[in-house]
Amino acid sequence: RPIYEQIMDGVKKQIIGGVLAKDEKLPSVRELATMLTINPNTISK
């Protein structure tokens, strides 16, 4: 699977699993790109 889909699945799992609460702020595109060492455009997508 493309990397952006893996990121989407990871975020969805955290939302569905209650790890991320409603109205909680996600990491910025730059922050997440730095944490995962991938291109910021992939996070944006």
PDB file of all heavy atoms in Angstrom:
ATOM      1  N   ARG A   1       0.831  -1.204   0.000  1.00  0.00           N
ATOM      2  CA  ARG A   1       0.000   0.000   0.000  1.00  0.00           C
ATOM      3  C   ARG A   1       0.867   1.256   0.000  1.00  0.00           C
ATOM      4  O   ARG A   1       1.940   1.277   0.601  1.00  0.00           O
ATOM      5  CB  ARG A   1      -0.907   0.033   1.233  1.00  0.00           C
ATOM      6  CG  ARG A   1      -1.920  -1.068   1.265  1.00  0.00           C
ATOM      7  CD  ARG A   1      -2.695  -1.067   2.558  1.00  0.00           C
ATOM      8  NE  ARG A   1      -1.770  -1.181   3.690  1.00  0.00           N
ATOM      9  CZ  ARG A   1      -1.947  -0.607   4.864  1.00  0.00           C
ATOM     10  NH1 ARG A   1      -2.997   0.116   5.096  1.00  0.00           N
ATOM     11  NH2 ARG A   1      -1.066  -0.780   5.838  1.00  0.00           N
ATOM     12  N   PRO A   2       0.378   2.320  -0.637  1.00  0.00           N
ATOM     13  CA  PRO A   2       1.118   3.589  -0.592  1.00  0.00           C
ATOM     14  C   PRO A   2       1.265   4.084   0.845  1.00  0.00           C
ATOM     15  O   PRO A   2       0.433   3.783   1.708  1.00  0.00           O
ATOM     16  CB  PRO A   2       0.230   4.549  -1.400  1.00  0.00           C
ATOM     17  CG  PRO A   2      -0.660   3.689  -2.220  1.00  0.00           C
ATOM     18  CD  PRO A   2      -0.829   2.413  -1.462  1.00  0.00           C
ATOM     19  N   ILE A   3       2.294   4.852   1.099  1.00  0.00           N
ATOM     20  CA  ILE A   3       2.585   5.345   2.439  1.00  0.00           C
ATOM     21  C   ILE A   3       1.440   6.197   2.975  1.00  0.00           C
ATOM     22  O   ILE A   3       1.063   6.082   4.143  1.00  0.00           O
ATOM     23  CB  ILE A   3       3.920   6.109   2.467  1.00  0.00           C
ATOM     24  CG1 ILE A   3       5.066   5.137   2.192  1.00  0.00           C
ATOM     25  CG2 ILE A   3       4.131   6.817   3.796  1.00  0.00           C
ATOM     26  CD1 ILE A   3       6.410   5.783   1.994  1.00  0.00           C
ATOM     27  N   TYR A   4       0.841   7.037   2.115  1.00  0.00           N
ATOM     28  CA  TYR A   4      -0.240   7.899   2.609  1.00  0.00           C
ATOM     29  C   TYR A   4      -1.422   7.061   3.104  1.00  0.00           C
ATOM     30  O   TYR A   4      -2.086   7.439   4.074  1.00  0.00           O
ATOM     31  CB  TYR A   4      -0.668   8.931   1.560  1.00  0.00           C
ATOM     32  CG  TYR A   4      -1.640   8.427   0.517  1.00  0.00           C
ATOM     33  CD1 TYR A   4      -3.003   8.572   0.688  1.00  0.00           C
ATOM     34  CD2 TYR A   4      -1.185   7.812  -0.640  1.00  0.00           C
ATOM     35  CE1 TYR A   4      -3.895   8.114  -0.261  1.00  0.00           C
ATOM     36  CE2 TYR A   4      -2.060   7.351  -1.591  1.00  0.00           C
ATOM     37  CZ  TYR A   4      -3.420   7.512  -1.408  1.00  0.00           C
ATOM     38  OH  TYR A   4      -4.299   7.049  -2.352  1.00  0.00           O
ATOM     39  N   GLU A   5      -1.684   5.911   2.466  1.00  0.00           N
ATOM     40  CA  GLU A   5      -2.767   5.032   2.915  1.00  0.00           C
ATOM     41  C   GLU A   5      -2.421   4.396   4.262  1.00  0.00           C
ATOM     42  O   GLU A   5      -3.294   4.229   5.116  1.00  0.00           O
ATOM     43  CB  GLU A   5      -3.064   3.948   1.887  1.00  0.00           C
ATOM     44  CG  GLU A   5      -3.819   4.438   0.680  1.00  0.00           C
ATOM     45  CD  GLU A   5      -4.163   3.328  -0.287  1.00  0.00           C
ATOM     46  OE1 GLU A   5      -3.971   2.126   0.040  1.00  0.00           O
ATOM     47  OE2 GLU A   5      -4.642   3.665  -1.386  1.00  0.00           O
ATOM     48  N   GLN A   6      -1.160   4.050   4.460  1.00  0.00           N
ATOM     49  CA  GLN A   6      -0.739   3.497   5.739  1.00  0.00           C
ATOM     50  C   GLN A   6      -0.924   4.533   6.846  1.00  0.00           C
ATOM     51  O   GLN A   6      -1.360   4.204   7.956  1.00  0.00           O
ATOM     52  CB  GLN A   6       0.718   3.053   5.677  1.00  0.00           C
ATOM     53  CG  GLN A   6       0.964   1.883   4.743  1.00  0.00           C
ATOM     54  CD  GLN A   6       2.432   1.494   4.722  1.00  0.00           C
ATOM     55  OE1 GLN A   6       3.064   1.383   5.765  1.00  0.00           O
ATOM     56  NE2 GLN A   6       2.974   1.280   3.531  1.00  0.00           N
ATOM     57  N   ILE A   7      -0.610   5.781   6.548  1.00  0.00           N
ATOM     58  CA  ILE A   7      -0.792   6.854   7.521  1.00  0.00           C
ATOM     59  C   ILE A   7      -2.279   7.039   7.822  1.00  0.00           C
ATOM     60  O   ILE A   7      -2.687   7.146   8.980  1.00  0.00           O
ATOM     61  CB  ILE A   7      -0.166   8.166   7.007  1.00  0.00           C
ATOM     62  CG1 ILE A   7       1.360   8.004   6.936  1.00  0.00           C
ATOM     63  CG2 ILE A   7      -0.552   9.353   7.899  1.00  0.00           C
ATOM     64  CD1 ILE A   7       2.065   9.070   6.146  1.00  0.00           C
ATOM     65  N   MET A   8      -3.097   7.032   6.773  1.00  0.00           N
ATOM     66  CA  MET A   8      -4.547   7.150   6.963  1.00  0.00           C
ATOM     67  C   MET A   8      -5.064   6.029   7.851  1.00  0.00           C
ATOM     68  O   MET A   8      -5.826   6.280   8.781  1.00  0.00           O
ATOM     69  CB  MET A   8      -5.268   7.099   5.607  1.00  0.00           C
ATOM     70  CG  MET A   8      -5.105   8.334   4.765  1.00  0.00           C
ATOM     71  SD  MET A   8      -5.894   8.156   3.152  1.00  0.00           S
ATOM     72  CE  MET A   8      -7.603   7.857   3.616  1.00  0.00           C
ATOM     73  N   ASP A   9      -4.648   4.807   7.568  1.00  0.00           N
ATOM     74  CA  ASP A   9      -5.097   3.665   8.371  1.00  0.00           C
ATOM     75  C   ASP A   9      -4.666   3.809   9.821  1.00  0.00           C
ATOM     76  O   ASP A   9      -5.423   3.507  10.744  1.00  0.00           O
ATOM     77  CB  ASP A   9      -4.576   2.350   7.795  1.00  0.00           C
ATOM     78  CG  ASP A   9      -5.281   1.947   6.512  1.00  0.00           C
ATOM     79  OD1 ASP A   9      -6.336   2.533   6.187  1.00  0.00           O
ATOM     80  OD2 ASP A   9      -4.776   1.034   5.820  1.00  0.00           O
ATOM     81  N   GLY A  10      -3.444   4.288  10.042  1.00  0.00           N
ATOM     82  CA  GLY A  10      -2.954   4.479  11.403  1.00  0.00           C
ATOM     83  C   GLY A  10      -3.773   5.504  12.164  1.00  0.00           C
ATOM     84  O   GLY A  10      -4.132   5.293  13.328  1.00  0.00           O
ATOM     85  N   VAL A  11      -4.089   6.614  11.509  1.00  0.00           N
ATOM     86  CA  VAL A  11      -4.891   7.653  12.159  1.00  0.00           C
ATOM     87  C   VAL A  11      -6.304   7.138  12.414  1.00  0.00           C
ATOM     88  O   VAL A  11      -6.865   7.334  13.498  1.00  0.00           O
ATOM     89  CB  VAL A  11      -4.912   8.949  11.308  1.00  0.00           C
ATOM     90  CG1 VAL A  11      -5.892   9.960  11.884  1.00  0.00           C
ATOM     91  CG2 VAL A  11      -3.518   9.556  11.214  1.00  0.00           C
ATOM     92  N   LYS A  12      -6.894   6.450  11.419  1.00  0.00           N
ATOM     93  CA  LYS A  12      -8.246   5.902  11.587  1.00  0.00           C
ATOM     94  C   LYS A  12      -8.297   4.936  12.770  1.00  0.00           C
ATOM     95  O   LYS A  12      -9.226   4.987  13.579  1.00  0.00           O
ATOM     96  CB  LYS A  12      -8.696   5.165  10.324  1.00  0.00           C
ATOM     97  CG  LYS A  12      -9.071   6.050   9.184  1.00  0.00           C
ATOM     98  CD  LYS A  12      -9.470   5.177   7.999  1.00  0.00           C
ATOM     99  CE  LYS A  12      -9.656   5.950   6.741  1.00  0.00           C
ATOM    100  NZ  LYS A  12     -10.011   5.075   5.595  1.00  0.00           N
ATOM    101  N   LYS A  13      -7.304   4.060  12.887  1.00  0.00           N
ATOM    102  CA  LYS A  13      -7.275   3.103  13.995  1.00  0.00           C
ATOM    103  C   LYS A  13      -7.216   3.825  15.334  1.00  0.00           C
ATOM    104  O   LYS A  13      -7.861   3.425  16.294  1.00  0.00           O
ATOM    105  CB  LYS A  13      -6.085   2.152  13.854  1.00  0.00           C
ATOM    106  CG  LYS A  13      -6.273   1.097  12.792  1.00  0.00           C
ATOM    107  CD  LYS A  13      -5.055   0.212  12.655  1.00  0.00           C
ATOM    108  CE  LYS A  13      -5.235  -0.771  11.516  1.00  0.00           C
ATOM    109  NZ  LYS A  13      -4.029  -1.553  11.243  1.00  0.00           N
ATOM    110  N   GLN A  14      -6.439   4.890  15.399  1.00  0.00           N
ATOM    111  CA  GLN A  14      -6.333   5.647  16.646  1.00  0.00           C
ATOM    112  C   GLN A  14      -7.642   6.354  16.974  1.00  0.00           C
ATOM    113  O   GLN A  14      -8.025   6.450  18.140  1.00  0.00           O
ATOM    114  CB  GLN A  14      -5.192   6.652  16.567  1.00  0.00           C
ATOM    115  CG  GLN A  14      -3.833   5.996  16.586  1.00  0.00           C
ATOM    116  CD  GLN A  14      -2.701   7.004  16.573  1.00  0.00           C
ATOM    117  OE1 GLN A  14      -2.908   8.200  16.480  1.00  0.00           O
ATOM    118  NE2 GLN A  14      -1.485   6.511  16.671  1.00  0.00           N
ATOM    119  N   ILE A  15      -8.340   6.842  15.950  1.00  0.00           N
ATOM    120  CA  ILE A  15      -9.623   7.513  16.180  1.00  0.00           C
ATOM    121  C   ILE A  15     -10.666   6.499  16.622  1.00  0.00           C
ATOM    122  O   ILE A  15     -11.357   6.683  17.621  1.00  0.00           O
ATOM    123  CB  ILE A  15     -10.082   8.271  14.914  1.00  0.00           C
ATOM    124  CG1 ILE A  15      -9.148   9.449  14.638  1.00  0.00           C
ATOM    125  CG2 ILE A  15     -11.532   8.749  15.063  1.00  0.00           C
ATOM    126  CD1 ILE A  15      -9.369  10.135  13.305  1.00  0.00           C
ATOM    127  N   ILE A  16     -10.779   5.399  15.882  1.00  0.00           N
ATOM    128  CA  ILE A  16     -11.772   4.371  16.193  1.00  0.00           C
ATOM    129  C   ILE A  16     -11.488   3.738  17.546  1.00  0.00           C
ATOM    130  O   ILE A  16     -12.390   3.443  18.321  1.00  0.00           O
ATOM    131  CB  ILE A  16     -11.826   3.310  15.072  1.00  0.00           C
ATOM    132  CG1 ILE A  16     -12.390   3.954  13.796  1.00  0.00           C
ATOM    133  CG2 ILE A  16     -12.655   2.101  15.484  1.00  0.00           C
ATOM    134  CD1 ILE A  16     -12.233   3.110  12.548  1.00  0.00           C
ATOM    135  N   GLY A  17     -10.204   3.531  17.858  1.00  0.00           N
ATOM    136  CA  GLY A  17      -9.817   2.917  19.124  1.00  0.00           C
ATOM    137  C   GLY A  17      -9.881   3.855  20.325  1.00  0.00           C
ATOM    138  O   GLY A  17      -9.627   3.441  21.448  1.00  0.00           O
ATOM    139  N   GLY A  18     -10.190   5.111  20.098  1.00  0.00           N
ATOM    140  CA  GLY A  18     -10.315   6.054  21.196  1.00  0.00           C
ATOM    141  C   GLY A  18      -9.006   6.659  21.668  1.00  0.00           C
ATOM    142  O   GLY A  18      -8.976   7.392  22.652  1.00  0.00           O
ATOM    143  N   VAL A  19      -7.920   6.368  20.975  1.00  0.00           N
ATOM    144  CA  VAL A  19      -6.621   6.949  21.338  1.00  0.00           C
ATOM    145  C   VAL A  19      -6.638   8.451  21.048  1.00  0.00           C
ATOM    146  O   VAL A  19      -6.109   9.247  21.814  1.00  0.00           O
ATOM    147  CB  VAL A  19      -5.472   6.254  20.573  1.00  0.00           C
ATOM    148  CG1 VAL A  19      -4.143   6.915  20.844  1.00  0.00           C
ATOM    149  CG2 VAL A  19      -5.432   4.769  20.917  1.00  0.00           C
ATOM    150  N   LEU A  20      -7.266   8.815  19.927  1.00  0.00           N
ATOM    151  CA  LEU A  20      -7.435  10.220  19.574  1.00  0.00           C
ATOM    152  C   LEU A  20      -8.891  10.608  19.826  1.00  0.00           C
ATOM    153  O   LEU A  20      -9.800   9.983  19.286  1.00  0.00           O
ATOM    154  CB  LEU A  20      -7.075  10.461  18.104  1.00  0.00           C
ATOM    155  CG  LEU A  20      -5.615  10.261  17.721  1.00  0.00           C
ATOM    156  CD1 LEU A  20      -5.431  10.340  16.216  1.00  0.00           C
ATOM    157  CD2 LEU A  20      -4.741  11.302  18.407  1.00  0.00           C
ATOM    158  N   ALA A  21      -9.097  11.626  20.641  1.00  0.00           N
ATOM    159  CA  ALA A  21     -10.452  12.065  20.994  1.00  0.00           C
ATOM    160  C   ALA A  21     -10.954  13.109  20.007  1.00  0.00           C
ATOM    161  O   ALA A  21     -10.165  13.788  19.332  1.00  0.00           O
ATOM    162  CB  ALA A  21     -10.441  12.650  22.400  1.00  0.00           C
ATOM    163  N   LYS A  22     -12.274  13.236  19.961  1.00  0.00           N
ATOM    164  CA  LYS A  22     -12.895  14.234  19.105  1.00  0.00           C
ATOM    165  C   LYS A  22     -12.369  15.617  19.462  1.00  0.00           C
ATOM    166  O   LYS A  22     -12.198  15.948  20.634  1.00  0.00           O
ATOM    167  CB  LYS A  22     -14.407  14.176  19.265  1.00  0.00           C
ATOM    168  CG  LYS A  22     -15.128  15.077  18.311  1.00  0.00           C
ATOM    169  CD  LYS A  22     -16.612  14.886  18.377  1.00  0.00           C
ATOM    170  CE  LYS A  22     -17.216  15.887  17.425  1.00  0.00           C
ATOM    171  NZ  LYS A  22     -18.483  15.559  16.941  1.00  0.00           N
ATOM    172  N   ASP A  23     -12.071  16.398  18.437  1.00  0.00           N
ATOM    173  CA  ASP A  23     -11.552  17.770  18.536  1.00  0.00           C
ATOM    174  C   ASP A  23     -10.108  17.842  19.025  1.00  0.00           C
ATOM    175  O   ASP A  23      -9.597  18.943  19.262  1.00  0.00           O
ATOM    176  CB  ASP A  23     -12.447  18.656  19.412  1.00  0.00           C
ATOM    177  CG  ASP A  23     -13.839  18.814  18.824  1.00  0.00           C
ATOM    178  OD1 ASP A  23     -13.951  18.926  17.582  1.00  0.00           O
ATOM    179  OD2 ASP A  23     -14.812  18.803  19.593  1.00  0.00           O
ATOM    180  N   GLU A  24      -9.444  16.696  19.141  1.00  0.00           N
ATOM    181  CA  GLU A  24      -8.028  16.701  19.506  1.00  0.00           C
ATOM    182  C   GLU A  24      -7.207  17.120  18.288  1.00  0.00           C
ATOM    183  O   GLU A  24      -7.470  16.717  17.162  1.00  0.00           O
ATOM    184  CB  GLU A  24      -7.610  15.309  19.969  1.00  0.00           C
ATOM    185  CG  GLU A  24      -6.186  15.236  20.473  1.00  0.00           C
ATOM    186  CD  GLU A  24      -5.844  13.875  21.063  1.00  0.00           C
ATOM    187  OE1 GLU A  24      -6.763  13.132  21.445  1.00  0.00           O
ATOM    188  OE2 GLU A  24      -4.643  13.559  21.123  1.00  0.00           O
ATOM    189  N   LYS A  25      -6.191  17.915  18.531  1.00  0.00           N
ATOM    190  CA  LYS A  25      -5.336  18.407  17.445  1.00  0.00           C
ATOM    191  C   LYS A  25      -4.362  17.312  17.025  1.00  0.00           C
ATOM    192  O   LYS A  25      -3.723  16.679  17.859  1.00  0.00           O
ATOM    193  CB  LYS A  25      -4.564  19.642  17.887  1.00  0.00           C
ATOM    194  CG  LYS A  25      -3.800  20.316  16.759  1.00  0.00           C
ATOM    195  CD  LYS A  25      -3.130  21.583  17.249  1.00  0.00           C
ATOM    196  CE  LYS A  25      -2.480  22.375  16.147  1.00  0.00           C
ATOM    197  NZ  LYS A  25      -1.665  21.664  15.214  1.00  0.00           N
ATOM    198  N   LEU A  26      -4.272  17.110  15.711  1.00  0.00           N
ATOM    199  CA  LEU A  26      -3.290  16.171  15.161  1.00  0.00           C
ATOM    200  C   LEU A  26      -1.951  16.877  15.020  1.00  0.00           C
ATOM    201  O   LEU A  26      -1.898  18.111  14.949  1.00  0.00           O
ATOM    202  CB  LEU A  26      -3.748  15.678  13.784  1.00  0.00           C
ATOM    203  CG  LEU A  26      -5.021  14.843  13.752  1.00  0.00           C
ATOM    204  CD1 LEU A  26      -5.415  14.536  12.317  1.00  0.00           C
ATOM    205  CD2 LEU A  26      -4.840  13.549  14.517  1.00  0.00           C
ATOM    206  N   PRO A  27      -0.863  16.117  14.947  1.00  0.00           N
ATOM    207  CA  PRO A  27       0.436  16.756  14.707  1.00  0.00           C
ATOM    208  C   PRO A  27       0.400  17.518  13.384  1.00  0.00           C
ATOM    209  O   PRO A  27      -0.284  17.105  12.444  1.00  0.00           O
ATOM    210  CB  PRO A  27       1.419  15.585  14.622  1.00  0.00           C
ATOM    211  CG  PRO A  27       0.714  14.426  15.237  1.00  0.00           C
ATOM    212  CD  PRO A  27      -0.749  14.668  15.065  1.00  0.00           C
ATOM    213  N   SER A  28       1.147  18.611  13.313  1.00  0.00           N
ATOM    214  CA  SER A  28       1.202  19.358  12.059  1.00  0.00           C
ATOM    215  C   SER A  28       1.837  18.481  10.986  1.00  0.00           C
ATOM    216  O   SER A  28       2.487  17.469  11.283  1.00  0.00           O
ATOM    217  CB  SER A  28       2.016  20.641  12.233  1.00  0.00           C
ATOM    218  OG  SER A  28       3.396  20.327  12.331  1.00  0.00           O
ATOM    219  N   VAL A  29       1.657  18.881   9.752  1.00  0.00           N
ATOM    220  CA  VAL A  29       2.227  18.134   8.630  1.00  0.00           C
ATOM    221  C   VAL A  29       3.737  18.016   8.810  1.00  0.00           C
ATOM    222  O   VAL A  29       4.311  16.929   8.669  1.00  0.00           O
ATOM    223  CB  VAL A  29       1.875  18.821   7.285  1.00  0.00           C
ATOM    224  CG1 VAL A  29       2.675  18.227   6.148  1.00  0.00           C
ATOM    225  CG2 VAL A  29       0.385  18.722   7.021  1.00  0.00           C
ATOM    226  N   ARG A  30       4.374  19.098   9.159  1.00  0.00           N
ATOM    227  CA  ARG A  30       5.840  19.086   9.333  1.00  0.00           C
ATOM    228  C   ARG A  30       6.261  18.197  10.499  1.00  0.00           C
ATOM    229  O   ARG A  30       7.241  17.460  10.412  1.00  0.00           O
ATOM    230  CB  ARG A  30       6.371  20.491   9.540  1.00  0.00           C
ATOM    231  CG  ARG A  30       6.424  21.293   8.266  1.00  0.00           C
ATOM    232  CD  ARG A  30       7.212  22.580   8.466  1.00  0.00           C
ATOM    233  NE  ARG A  30       7.147  23.361   7.250  1.00  0.00           N
ATOM    234  CZ  ARG A  30       6.707  24.598   7.180  1.00  0.00           C
ATOM    235  NH1 ARG A  30       6.306  25.214   8.273  1.00  0.00           N
ATOM    236  NH2 ARG A  30       6.691  25.247   6.038  1.00  0.00           N
ATOM    237  N   GLU A  31       5.532  18.312  11.605  1.00  0.00           N
ATOM    238  CA  GLU A  31       5.873  17.498  12.783  1.00  0.00           C
ATOM    239  C   GLU A  31       5.788  16.007  12.465  1.00  0.00           C
ATOM    240  O   GLU A  31       6.709  15.243  12.776  1.00  0.00           O
ATOM    241  CB  GLU A  31       4.931  17.806  13.943  1.00  0.00           C
ATOM    242  CG  GLU A  31       5.122  19.152  14.582  1.00  0.00           C
ATOM    243  CD  GLU A  31       4.019  19.485  15.586  1.00  0.00           C
ATOM    244  OE1 GLU A  31       2.954  18.827  15.581  1.00  0.00           O
ATOM    245  OE2 GLU A  31       4.236  20.416  16.372  1.00  0.00           O
ATOM    246  N   LEU A  32       4.669  15.591  11.849  1.00  0.00           N
ATOM    247  CA  LEU A  32       4.496  14.174  11.541  1.00  0.00           C
ATOM    248  C   LEU A  32       5.493  13.715  10.491  1.00  0.00           C
ATOM    249  O   LEU A  32       6.031  12.609  10.581  1.00  0.00           O
ATOM    250  CB  LEU A  32       3.056  13.893  11.099  1.00  0.00           C
ATOM    251  CG  LEU A  32       2.663  12.428  11.007  1.00  0.00           C
ATOM    252  CD1 LEU A  32       2.922  11.684  12.319  1.00  0.00           C
ATOM    253  CD2 LEU A  32       1.187  12.300  10.617  1.00  0.00           C
ATOM    254  N   ALA A  33       5.760  14.558   9.514  1.00  0.00           N
ATOM    255  CA  ALA A  33       6.749  14.209   8.485  1.00  0.00           C
ATOM    256  C   ALA A  33       8.119  14.004   9.112  1.00  0.00           C
ATOM    257  O   ALA A  33       8.855  13.075   8.747  1.00  0.00           O
ATOM    258  CB  ALA A  33       6.805  15.294   7.418  1.00  0.00           C
ATOM    259  N   THR A  34       8.462  14.838  10.078  1.00  0.00           N
ATOM    260  CA  THR A  34       9.743  14.707  10.770  1.00  0.00           C
ATOM    261  C   THR A  34       9.771  13.435  11.617  1.00  0.00           C
ATOM    262  O   THR A  34      10.753  12.691  11.598  1.00  0.00           O
ATOM    263  CB  THR A  34      10.007  15.942  11.666  1.00  0.00           C
ATOM    264  OG1 THR A  34      10.012  17.110  10.848  1.00  0.00           O
ATOM    265  CG2 THR A  34      11.332  15.817  12.384  1.00  0.00           C
ATOM    266  N   MET A  35       8.671  13.173  12.344  1.00  0.00           N
ATOM    267  CA  MET A  35       8.611  11.971  13.188  1.00  0.00           C
ATOM    268  C   MET A  35       8.756  10.698  12.361  1.00  0.00           C
ATOM    269  O   MET A  35       9.419   9.752  12.784  1.00  0.00           O
ATOM    270  CB  MET A  35       7.291  11.925  13.960  1.00  0.00           C
ATOM    271  CG  MET A  35       7.226  12.848  15.141  1.00  0.00           C
ATOM    272  SD  MET A  35       5.771  12.524  16.172  1.00  0.00           S
ATOM    273  CE  MET A  35       4.482  13.312  15.253  1.00  0.00           C
ATOM    274  N   LEU A  36       8.109  10.676  11.181  1.00  0.00           N
ATOM    275  CA  LEU A  36       8.114   9.466  10.355  1.00  0.00           C
ATOM    276  C   LEU A  36       9.205   9.475   9.296  1.00  0.00           C
ATOM    277  O   LEU A  36       9.352   8.501   8.565  1.00  0.00           O
ATOM    278  CB  LEU A  36       6.740   9.301   9.679  1.00  0.00           C
ATOM    279  CG  LEU A  36       5.542   9.144  10.604  1.00  0.00           C
ATOM    280  CD1 LEU A  36       4.254   9.108   9.796  1.00  0.00           C
ATOM    281  CD2 LEU A  36       5.671   7.891  11.450  1.00  0.00           C
ATOM    282  N   THR A  37       9.936  10.578   9.221  1.00  0.00           N
ATOM    283  CA  THR A  37      10.978  10.783   8.211  1.00  0.00           C
ATOM    284  C   THR A  37      10.476  10.480   6.796  1.00  0.00           C
ATOM    285  O   THR A  37      11.060   9.685   6.058  1.00  0.00           O
ATOM    286  CB  THR A  37      12.270   9.978   8.510  1.00  0.00           C
ATOM    287  OG1 THR A  37      11.964   8.586   8.510  1.00  0.00           O
ATOM    288  CG2 THR A  37      12.906  10.395   9.809  1.00  0.00           C
ATOM    289  N   ILE A  38       9.375  11.144   6.453  1.00  0.00           N
ATOM    290  CA  ILE A  38       8.839  11.039   5.095  1.00  0.00           C
ATOM    291  C   ILE A  38       8.503  12.433   4.589  1.00  0.00           C
ATOM    292  O   ILE A  38       8.496  13.403   5.345  1.00  0.00           O
ATOM    293  CB  ILE A  38       7.599  10.122   5.022  1.00  0.00           C
ATOM    294  CG1 ILE A  38       6.500  10.619   5.943  1.00  0.00           C
ATOM    295  CG2 ILE A  38       7.942   8.698   5.327  1.00  0.00           C
ATOM    296  CD1 ILE A  38       5.223   9.836   5.811  1.00  0.00           C
ATOM    297  N   ASN A  39       8.217  12.535   3.315  1.00  0.00           N
ATOM    298  CA  ASN A  39       7.925  13.803   2.664  1.00  0.00           C
ATOM    299  C   ASN A  39       6.648  14.431   3.228  1.00  0.00           C
ATOM    300  O   ASN A  39       5.631  13.750   3.345  1.00  0.00           O
ATOM    301  CB  ASN A  39       7.778  13.544   1.158  1.00  0.00           C
ATOM    302  CG  ASN A  39       7.730  14.808   0.353  1.00  0.00           C
ATOM    303  OD1 ASN A  39       6.975  15.719   0.659  1.00  0.00           O
ATOM    304  ND2 ASN A  39       8.529  14.850  -0.696  1.00  0.00           N
ATOM    305  N   PRO A  40       6.669  15.730   3.545  1.00  0.00           N
ATOM    306  CA  PRO A  40       5.472  16.403   4.048  1.00  0.00           C
ATOM    307  C   PRO A  40       4.274  16.324   3.087  1.00  0.00           C
ATOM    308  O   PRO A  40       3.127  16.318   3.530  1.00  0.00           O
ATOM    309  CB  PRO A  40       5.920  17.857   4.232  1.00  0.00           C
ATOM    310  CG  PRO A  40       7.392  17.787   4.391  1.00  0.00           C
ATOM    311  CD  PRO A  40       7.843  16.611   3.566  1.00  0.00           C
ATOM    312  N   ASN A  41       4.536  16.252   1.789  1.00  0.00           N
ATOM    313  CA  ASN A  41       3.438  16.145   0.822  1.00  0.00           C
ATOM    314  C   ASN A  41       2.634  14.861   1.030  1.00  0.00           C
ATOM    315  O   ASN A  41       1.429  14.831   0.796  1.00  0.00           O
ATOM    316  CB  ASN A  41       3.962  16.192  -0.617  1.00  0.00           C
ATOM    317  CG  ASN A  41       4.525  17.547  -0.980  1.00  0.00           C
ATOM    318  OD1 ASN A  41       4.088  18.572  -0.455  1.00  0.00           O
ATOM    319  ND2 ASN A  41       5.507  17.555  -1.862  1.00  0.00           N
ATOM    320  N   THR A  42       3.303  13.814   1.472  1.00  0.00           N
ATOM    321  CA  THR A  42       2.631  12.538   1.740  1.00  0.00           C
ATOM    322  C   THR A  42       1.669  12.693   2.926  1.00  0.00           C
ATOM    323  O   THR A  42       0.544  12.202   2.880  1.00  0.00           O
ATOM    324  CB  THR A  42       3.674  11.439   2.029  1.00  0.00           C
ATOM    325  OG1 THR A  42       4.573  11.367   0.924  1.00  0.00           O
ATOM    326  CG2 THR A  42       3.018  10.094   2.245  1.00  0.00           C
ATOM    327  N   ILE A  43       2.103  13.406   3.949  1.00  0.00           N
ATOM    328  CA  ILE A  43       1.253  13.660   5.118  1.00  0.00           C
ATOM    329  C   ILE A  43       0.066  14.519   4.702  1.00  0.00           C
ATOM    330  O   ILE A  43      -1.080  14.248   5.089  1.00  0.00           O
ATOM    331  CB  ILE A  43       2.042  14.358   6.247  1.00  0.00           C
ATOM    332  CG1 ILE A  43       3.293  13.573   6.633  1.00  0.00           C
ATOM    333  CG2 ILE A  43       1.139  14.616   7.453  1.00  0.00           C
ATOM    334  CD1 ILE A  43       3.041  12.215   7.197  1.00  0.00           C
ATOM    335  N   SER A  44       0.329  15.551   3.902  1.00  0.00           N
ATOM    336  CA  SER A  44      -0.744  16.425   3.431  1.00  0.00           C
ATOM    337  C   SER A  44      -1.801  15.639   2.680  1.00  0.00           C
ATOM    338  O   SER A  44      -3.004  15.858   2.874  1.00  0.00           O
ATOM    339  CB  SER A  44      -0.196  17.523   2.516  1.00  0.00           C
ATOM    340  OG  SER A  44       0.600  18.416   3.226  1.00  0.00           O
ATOM    341  N   LYS A  45      -1.362  14.728   1.832  1.00  0.00           N
ATOM    342  CA  LYS A  45      -2.306  13.915   1.069  1.00  0.00           C
ATOM    343  C   LYS A  45      -3.142  13.043   2.002  1.00  0.00           C
ATOM    344  O   LYS A  45      -4.359  12.929   1.842  1.00  0.00           O
ATOM    345  CB  LYS A  45      -1.571  13.045   0.046  1.00  0.00           C
ATOM    346  CG  LYS A  45      -2.511  12.245  -0.828  1.00  0.00           C
ATOM    347  CD  LYS A  45      -1.788  11.544  -1.952  1.00  0.00           C
ATOM    348  CE  LYS A  45      -2.797  10.830  -2.844  1.00  0.00           C
ATOM    349  NZ  LYS A  45      -2.171  10.249  -4.013  1.00  0.00           N
TER     350      LYS A  45
END
